[in-house]
Amino acid sequence: MRTKLLILTLALAFIFPSRAVAQGMPVYDNTNFVSLVKQLLESGKQTANLLKTVNFLKDQKESLEKVNNVVRQLKAVREISRNNQRLIAVMQSDLRDILNSPYIKPEEVQRISESFSAIVDNSLDTMDFIDEILSSDYLKMSDADRAEILKQKELESREMVSNITTKTRRYRDIISFRRMQDKINNRETAY
């Protein structure tokens, strides 16, 4: 403390030479000078504490961003999983009903099967890709980049569900139309 006071006194001695006389030159009281030095030291401590707090808050922000990215990844993976379950449910029930319908022509069965199989294959490829992204560093991606890709894959899986739902509805409409057409063509006429 005394060395700091001595250094400050010497610095002031160089700034204000002892021979310099000026009218109205302020006279400093030693008590005020010591008080000023104490305030400066206290201010320095507070600044150091503020810098520590800023660094701590930056670290916390980065941690929250990492957690947020992981949560986004989990939500995207969960949604993709749900969409794949919907695809499987459609394949198990609706596709079987469509293919077993007497109103679907034999030459259409292969084409229908291939169109649904293409969607399922795409879904499986997406799941493999997601597994690769999550289990490896995948080109040293950041969590934010990984979350962005998963979000994109989630949108693609929604599109697949929408696509398979549309196809199912279209084939059900075709079956319904052919059933009605068959009833009309095979009705008994009582003229």
C-alpha atoms as a PDB file:
ATOM      1  CA  MET A   1       0.000   0.000   0.000  1.00  0.00           C
ATOM      2  CA  ARG A   2       2.816   2.373   0.912  1.00  0.00           C
ATOM      3  CA  THR A   3       4.682   1.551  -2.297  1.00  0.00           C
ATOM      4  CA  LYS A   4       1.648   2.377  -4.379  1.00  0.00           C
ATOM      5  CA  LEU A   5       1.266   5.630  -2.492  1.00  0.00           C
ATOM      6  CA  LEU A   6       4.941   6.416  -3.038  1.00  0.00           C
ATOM      7  CA  ILE A   7       4.695   5.668  -6.770  1.00  0.00           C
ATOM      8  CA  LEU A   8       1.642   7.846  -7.111  1.00  0.00           C
ATOM      9  CA  THR A   9       3.378  10.669  -5.188  1.00  0.00           C
ATOM     10  CA  LEU A  10       6.420  10.417  -7.452  1.00  0.00           C
ATOM     11  CA  ALA A  11       4.238  10.456 -10.519  1.00  0.00           C
ATOM     12  CA  LEU A  12       2.546  13.619  -9.313  1.00  0.00           C
ATOM     13  CA  ALA A  13       5.964  15.149  -8.518  1.00  0.00           C
ATOM     14  CA  PHE A  14       7.025  14.657 -12.142  1.00  0.00           C
ATOM     15  CA  ILE A  15       3.795  16.045 -13.467  1.00  0.00           C
ATOM     16  CA  PHE A  16       3.853  19.098 -11.197  1.00  0.00           C
ATOM     17  CA  PRO A  17       7.489  20.198 -10.663  1.00  0.00           C
ATOM     18  CA  SER A  18       8.186  21.707  -7.236  1.00  0.00           C
ATOM     19  CA  ARG A  19       9.466  24.986  -8.680  1.00  0.00           C
ATOM     20  CA  ALA A  20       6.388  25.581 -10.704  1.00  0.00           C
ATOM     21  CA  VAL A  21       4.330  28.298  -9.160  1.00  0.00           C
ATOM     22  CA  ALA A  22       0.963  29.156 -10.455  1.00  0.00           C
ATOM     23  CA  GLN A  23      -1.678  31.428  -9.143  1.00  0.00           C
ATOM     24  CA  GLY A  24      -4.697  29.517  -7.907  1.00  0.00           C
ATOM     25  CA  MET A  25      -2.883  26.177  -7.959  1.00  0.00           C
ATOM     26  CA  PRO A  26      -4.908  23.773  -5.871  1.00  0.00           C
ATOM     27  CA  VAL A  27      -3.412  22.497  -2.687  1.00  0.00           C
ATOM     28  CA  TYR A  28      -4.076  18.831  -1.982  1.00  0.00           C
ATOM     29  CA  ASP A  29      -4.595  17.512   1.437  1.00  0.00           C
ATOM     30  CA  ASN A  30      -2.827  14.220   2.188  1.00  0.00           C
ATOM     31  CA  THR A  31      -6.037  12.824   3.638  1.00  0.00           C
ATOM     32  CA  ASN A  32      -7.930  13.455   0.403  1.00  0.00           C
ATOM     33  CA  PHE A  33      -5.074  11.992  -1.619  1.00  0.00           C
ATOM     34  CA  VAL A  34      -5.027   8.786   0.443  1.00  0.00           C
ATOM     35  CA  SER A  35      -8.802   8.597   0.169  1.00  0.00           C
ATOM     36  CA  LEU A  36      -8.557   8.990  -3.620  1.00  0.00           C
ATOM     37  CA  VAL A  37      -5.971   6.208  -3.862  1.00  0.00           C
ATOM     38  CA  LYS A  38      -8.167   3.932  -1.727  1.00  0.00           C
ATOM     39  CA  GLN A  39     -11.142   4.653  -3.982  1.00  0.00           C
ATOM     40  CA  LEU A  40      -9.055   3.908  -7.079  1.00  0.00           C
ATOM     41  CA  LEU A  41      -7.884   0.603  -5.614  1.00  0.00           C
ATOM     42  CA  GLU A  42     -11.439  -0.338  -4.627  1.00  0.00           C
ATOM     43  CA  SER A  43     -12.648   0.614  -8.113  1.00  0.00           C
ATOM     44  CA  GLY A  44      -9.950  -1.631  -9.609  1.00  0.00           C
ATOM     45  CA  LYS A  45     -11.118  -4.555  -7.459  1.00  0.00           C
ATOM     46  CA  GLN A  46     -14.722  -3.976  -8.501  1.00  0.00           C
ATOM     47  CA  THR A  47     -13.684  -3.832 -12.175  1.00  0.00           C
ATOM     48  CA  ALA A  48     -11.794  -7.109 -11.794  1.00  0.00           C
ATOM     49  CA  ASN A  49     -14.875  -8.690 -10.183  1.00  0.00           C
ATOM     50  CA  LEU A  50     -17.075  -7.366 -13.008  1.00  0.00           C
ATOM     51  CA  LEU A  51     -14.728  -8.893 -15.594  1.00  0.00           C
ATOM     52  CA  LYS A  52     -14.905 -12.237 -13.772  1.00  0.00           C
ATOM     53  CA  THR A  53     -18.692 -11.982 -13.762  1.00  0.00           C
ATOM     54  CA  VAL A  54     -18.767 -11.186 -17.495  1.00  0.00           C
ATOM     55  CA  ASN A  55     -16.574 -14.211 -18.257  1.00  0.00           C
ATOM     56  CA  PHE A  56     -18.763 -16.405 -16.058  1.00  0.00           C
ATOM     57  CA  LEU A  57     -21.906 -15.180 -17.835  1.00  0.00           C
ATOM     58  CA  LYS A  58     -20.315 -15.830 -21.243  1.00  0.00           C
ATOM     59  CA  ASP A  59     -19.517 -19.395 -20.183  1.00  0.00           C
ATOM     60  CA  GLN A  60     -23.069 -19.869 -18.924  1.00  0.00           C
ATOM     61  CA  LYS A  61     -24.501 -18.519 -22.185  1.00  0.00           C
ATOM     62  CA  GLU A  62     -22.375 -20.983 -24.181  1.00  0.00           C
ATOM     63  CA  SER A  63     -23.528 -23.817 -21.911  1.00  0.00           C
ATOM     64  CA  LEU A  64     -27.179 -22.823 -22.379  1.00  0.00           C
ATOM     65  CA  GLU A  65     -26.712 -22.675 -26.153  1.00  0.00           C
ATOM     66  CA  LYS A  66     -25.211 -26.179 -26.121  1.00  0.00           C
ATOM     67  CA  VAL A  67     -28.104 -27.499 -24.033  1.00  0.00           C
ATOM     68  CA  ASN A  68     -30.591 -25.714 -26.302  1.00  0.00           C
ATOM     69  CA  ASN A  69     -29.002 -27.312 -29.379  1.00  0.00           C
ATOM     70  CA  VAL A  70     -29.119 -30.749 -27.770  1.00  0.00           C
ATOM     71  CA  VAL A  71     -32.786 -30.252 -26.881  1.00  0.00           C
ATOM     72  CA  ARG A  72     -33.518 -29.191 -30.467  1.00  0.00           C
ATOM     73  CA  GLN A  73     -31.710 -32.306 -31.708  1.00  0.00           C
ATOM     74  CA  LEU A  74     -33.725 -34.535 -29.390  1.00  0.00           C
ATOM     75  CA  LYS A  75     -37.013 -32.952 -30.448  1.00  0.00           C
ATOM     76  CA  ALA A  76     -36.125 -33.369 -34.122  1.00  0.00           C
ATOM     77  CA  VAL A  77     -35.125 -37.015 -33.637  1.00  0.00           C
ATOM     78  CA  ARG A  78     -38.314 -37.696 -31.672  1.00  0.00           C
ATOM     79  CA  GLU A  79     -40.469 -36.138 -34.409  1.00  0.00           C
ATOM     80  CA  ILE A  80     -38.642 -38.111 -37.105  1.00  0.00           C
ATOM     81  CA  SER A  81     -39.203 -41.277 -35.082  1.00  0.00           C
ATOM     82  CA  ARG A  82     -42.926 -40.508 -34.774  1.00  0.00           C
ATOM     83  CA  ASN A  83     -43.178 -39.880 -38.490  1.00  0.00           C
ATOM     84  CA  ASN A  84     -41.485 -43.202 -39.213  1.00  0.00           C
ATOM     85  CA  GLN A  85     -43.947 -44.947 -36.894  1.00  0.00           C
ATOM     86  CA  ARG A  86     -46.782 -43.360 -38.870  1.00  0.00           C
ATOM     87  CA  LEU A  87     -45.222 -44.651 -42.094  1.00  0.00           C
ATOM     88  CA  ILE A  88     -44.990 -48.147 -40.656  1.00  0.00           C
ATOM     89  CA  ALA A  89     -48.603 -48.007 -39.461  1.00  0.00           C
ATOM     90  CA  VAL A  90     -49.750 -46.980 -42.942  1.00  0.00           C
ATOM     91  CA  MET A  91     -47.685 -49.745 -44.487  1.00  0.00           C
ATOM     92  CA  GLN A  92     -49.109 -52.366 -42.123  1.00  0.00           C
ATOM     93  CA  SER A  93     -52.761 -51.512 -42.388  1.00  0.00           C
ATOM     94  CA  ASP A  94     -53.670 -49.202 -45.240  1.00  0.00           C
ATOM     95  CA  LEU A  95     -51.323 -50.626 -47.864  1.00  0.00           C
ATOM     96  CA  ARG A  96     -52.437 -54.170 -47.121  1.00  0.00           C
ATOM     97  CA  ASP A  97     -56.091 -53.106 -47.470  1.00  0.00           C
ATOM     98  CA  ILE A  98     -55.350 -51.344 -50.753  1.00  0.00           C
ATOM     99  CA  LEU A  99     -53.401 -54.251 -52.254  1.00  0.00           C
ATOM    100  CA  ASN A 100     -55.990 -56.828 -51.150  1.00  0.00           C
ATOM    101  CA  SER A 101     -58.848 -54.876 -52.664  1.00  0.00           C
ATOM    102  CA  PRO A 102     -60.547 -56.601 -55.598  1.00  0.00           C
ATOM    103  CA  TYR A 103     -60.774 -53.208 -57.281  1.00  0.00           C
ATOM    104  CA  ILE A 104     -57.002 -52.862 -57.691  1.00  0.00           C
ATOM    105  CA  LYS A 105     -55.833 -54.362 -60.950  1.00  0.00           C
ATOM    106  CA  PRO A 106     -52.974 -56.881 -60.899  1.00  0.00           C
ATOM    107  CA  GLU A 107     -50.740 -54.642 -63.009  1.00  0.00           C
ATOM    108  CA  GLU A 108     -51.256 -51.818 -60.487  1.00  0.00           C
ATOM    109  CA  VAL A 109     -50.123 -53.866 -57.486  1.00  0.00           C
ATOM    110  CA  GLN A 110     -46.470 -53.753 -58.525  1.00  0.00           C
ATOM    111  CA  ARG A 111     -46.538 -50.002 -59.181  1.00  0.00           C
ATOM    112  CA  ILE A 112     -48.298 -49.264 -55.878  1.00  0.00           C
ATOM    113  CA  SER A 113     -45.873 -51.480 -53.966  1.00  0.00           C
ATOM    114  CA  GLU A 114     -42.884 -49.782 -55.576  1.00  0.00           C
ATOM    115  CA  SER A 115     -44.141 -46.266 -54.820  1.00  0.00           C
ATOM    116  CA  PHE A 116     -44.736 -47.107 -51.157  1.00  0.00           C
ATOM    117  CA  SER A 117     -41.438 -49.004 -50.945  1.00  0.00           C
ATOM    118  CA  ALA A 118     -39.569 -45.982 -52.288  1.00  0.00           C
ATOM    119  CA  ILE A 119     -40.979 -43.850 -49.475  1.00  0.00           C
ATOM    120  CA  VAL A 120     -40.070 -46.447 -46.847  1.00  0.00           C
ATOM    121  CA  ASP A 121     -36.556 -46.839 -48.292  1.00  0.00           C
ATOM    122  CA  ASN A 122     -36.108 -43.074 -48.134  1.00  0.00           C
ATOM    123  CA  SER A 123     -37.299 -43.158 -44.527  1.00  0.00           C
ATOM    124  CA  LEU A 124     -34.785 -45.888 -43.650  1.00  0.00           C
ATOM    125  CA  ASP A 125     -31.989 -43.964 -45.365  1.00  0.00           C
ATOM    126  CA  THR A 126     -32.938 -40.923 -43.296  1.00  0.00           C
ATOM    127  CA  MET A 127     -32.750 -42.970 -40.091  1.00  0.00           C
ATOM    128  CA  ASP A 128     -29.317 -44.310 -41.071  1.00  0.00           C
ATOM    129  CA  PHE A 129     -28.140 -40.787 -41.825  1.00  0.00           C
ATOM    130  CA  ILE A 130     -29.435 -39.544 -38.473  1.00  0.00           C
ATOM    131  CA  ASP A 131     -27.681 -42.400 -36.699  1.00  0.00           C
ATOM    132  CA  GLU A 132     -24.455 -41.460 -38.465  1.00  0.00           C
ATOM    133  CA  ILE A 133     -24.836 -37.791 -37.533  1.00  0.00           C
ATOM    134  CA  LEU A 134     -25.524 -38.528 -33.879  1.00  0.00           C
ATOM    135  CA  SER A 135     -22.978 -41.305 -33.368  1.00  0.00           C
ATOM    136  CA  SER A 136     -19.962 -39.731 -35.081  1.00  0.00           C
ATOM    137  CA  ASP A 137     -18.454 -36.288 -35.319  1.00  0.00           C
ATOM    138  CA  TYR A 138     -19.701 -36.165 -38.916  1.00  0.00           C
ATOM    139  CA  LEU A 139     -17.184 -33.781 -40.398  1.00  0.00           C
ATOM    140  CA  LYS A 140     -16.599 -32.151 -37.001  1.00  0.00           C
ATOM    141  CA  MET A 141     -20.000 -30.472 -36.973  1.00  0.00           C
ATOM    142  CA  SER A 142     -21.048 -28.148 -34.211  1.00  0.00           C
ATOM    143  CA  ASP A 143     -24.179 -28.928 -32.238  1.00  0.00           C
ATOM    144  CA  ALA A 144     -25.973 -26.054 -33.961  1.00  0.00           C
ATOM    145  CA  ASP A 145     -25.094 -27.437 -37.421  1.00  0.00           C
ATOM    146  CA  ARG A 146     -26.167 -30.923 -36.371  1.00  0.00           C
ATOM    147  CA  ALA A 147     -29.460 -29.538 -35.018  1.00  0.00           C
ATOM    148  CA  GLU A 148     -30.043 -27.689 -38.299  1.00  0.00           C
ATOM    149  CA  ILE A 149     -29.539 -30.867 -40.359  1.00  0.00           C
ATOM    150  CA  LEU A 150     -31.827 -32.824 -38.050  1.00  0.00           C
ATOM    151  CA  LYS A 151     -34.472 -30.107 -38.375  1.00  0.00           C
ATOM    152  CA  GLN A 152     -34.206 -30.400 -42.149  1.00  0.00           C
ATOM    153  CA  LYS A 153     -34.557 -34.186 -41.929  1.00  0.00           C
ATOM    154  CA  GLU A 154     -37.580 -33.708 -39.662  1.00  0.00           C
ATOM    155  CA  LEU A 155     -39.228 -31.572 -42.348  1.00  0.00           C
ATOM    156  CA  GLU A 156     -38.410 -34.220 -44.951  1.00  0.00           C
ATOM    157  CA  SER A 157     -39.984 -36.919 -42.792  1.00  0.00           C
ATOM    158  CA  ARG A 158     -43.135 -34.809 -42.406  1.00  0.00           C
ATOM    159  CA  GLU A 159     -43.212 -34.487 -46.163  1.00  0.00           C
ATOM    160  CA  MET A 160     -42.906 -38.272 -46.502  1.00  0.00           C
ATOM    161  CA  VAL A 161     -45.840 -38.768 -44.126  1.00  0.00           C
ATOM    162  CA  SER A 162     -47.860 -36.242 -46.086  1.00  0.00           C
ATOM    163  CA  ASN A 163     -46.877 -37.929 -49.352  1.00  0.00           C
ATOM    164  CA  ILE A 164     -47.827 -41.407 -48.173  1.00  0.00           C
ATOM    165  CA  THR A 165     -51.083 -40.092 -46.697  1.00  0.00           C
ATOM    166  CA  THR A 166     -51.927 -38.455 -50.016  1.00  0.00           C
ATOM    167  CA  LYS A 167     -51.121 -41.624 -51.948  1.00  0.00           C
ATOM    168  CA  THR A 168     -53.181 -43.735 -49.561  1.00  0.00           C
ATOM    169  CA  ARG A 169     -56.125 -41.373 -49.868  1.00  0.00           C
ATOM    170  CA  ARG A 170     -55.810 -41.361 -53.669  1.00  0.00           C
ATOM    171  CA  TYR A 171     -55.793 -45.177 -53.868  1.00  0.00           C
ATOM    172  CA  ARG A 172     -58.738 -45.402 -51.471  1.00  0.00           C
ATOM    173  CA  ASP A 173     -60.602 -42.923 -53.705  1.00  0.00           C
ATOM    174  CA  ILE A 174     -59.762 -45.057 -56.736  1.00  0.00           C
ATOM    175  CA  ILE A 175     -61.058 -48.171 -54.943  1.00  0.00           C
ATOM    176  CA  SER A 176     -64.211 -46.340 -53.875  1.00  0.00           C
ATOM    177  CA  PHE A 177     -64.795 -45.078 -57.420  1.00  0.00           C
ATOM    178  CA  ARG A 178     -64.276 -48.535 -58.920  1.00  0.00           C
ATOM    179  CA  ARG A 179     -66.587 -50.105 -56.346  1.00  0.00           C
ATOM    180  CA  MET A 180     -69.318 -47.596 -57.207  1.00  0.00           C
ATOM    181  CA  GLN A 181     -68.659 -48.121 -60.916  1.00  0.00           C
ATOM    182  CA  ASP A 182     -68.925 -51.888 -60.425  1.00  0.00           C
ATOM    183  CA  LYS A 183     -72.265 -51.525 -58.598  1.00  0.00           C
ATOM    184  CA  ILE A 184     -73.602 -49.322 -61.345  1.00  0.00           C
ATOM    185  CA  ASN A 185     -72.432 -51.654 -64.111  1.00  0.00           C
ATOM    186  CA  ASN A 186     -73.713 -54.806 -62.439  1.00  0.00           C
ATOM    187  CA  ARG A 187     -77.047 -53.623 -61.146  1.00  0.00           C
ATOM    188  CA  GLU A 188     -80.164 -55.449 -62.108  1.00  0.00           C
ATOM    189  CA  THR A 189     -82.488 -53.673 -64.397  1.00  0.00           C
ATOM    190  CA  ALA A 190     -86.188 -54.188 -63.835  1.00  0.00           C
ATOM    191  CA  TYR A 191     -87.753 -52.467 -66.809  1.00  0.00           C
END
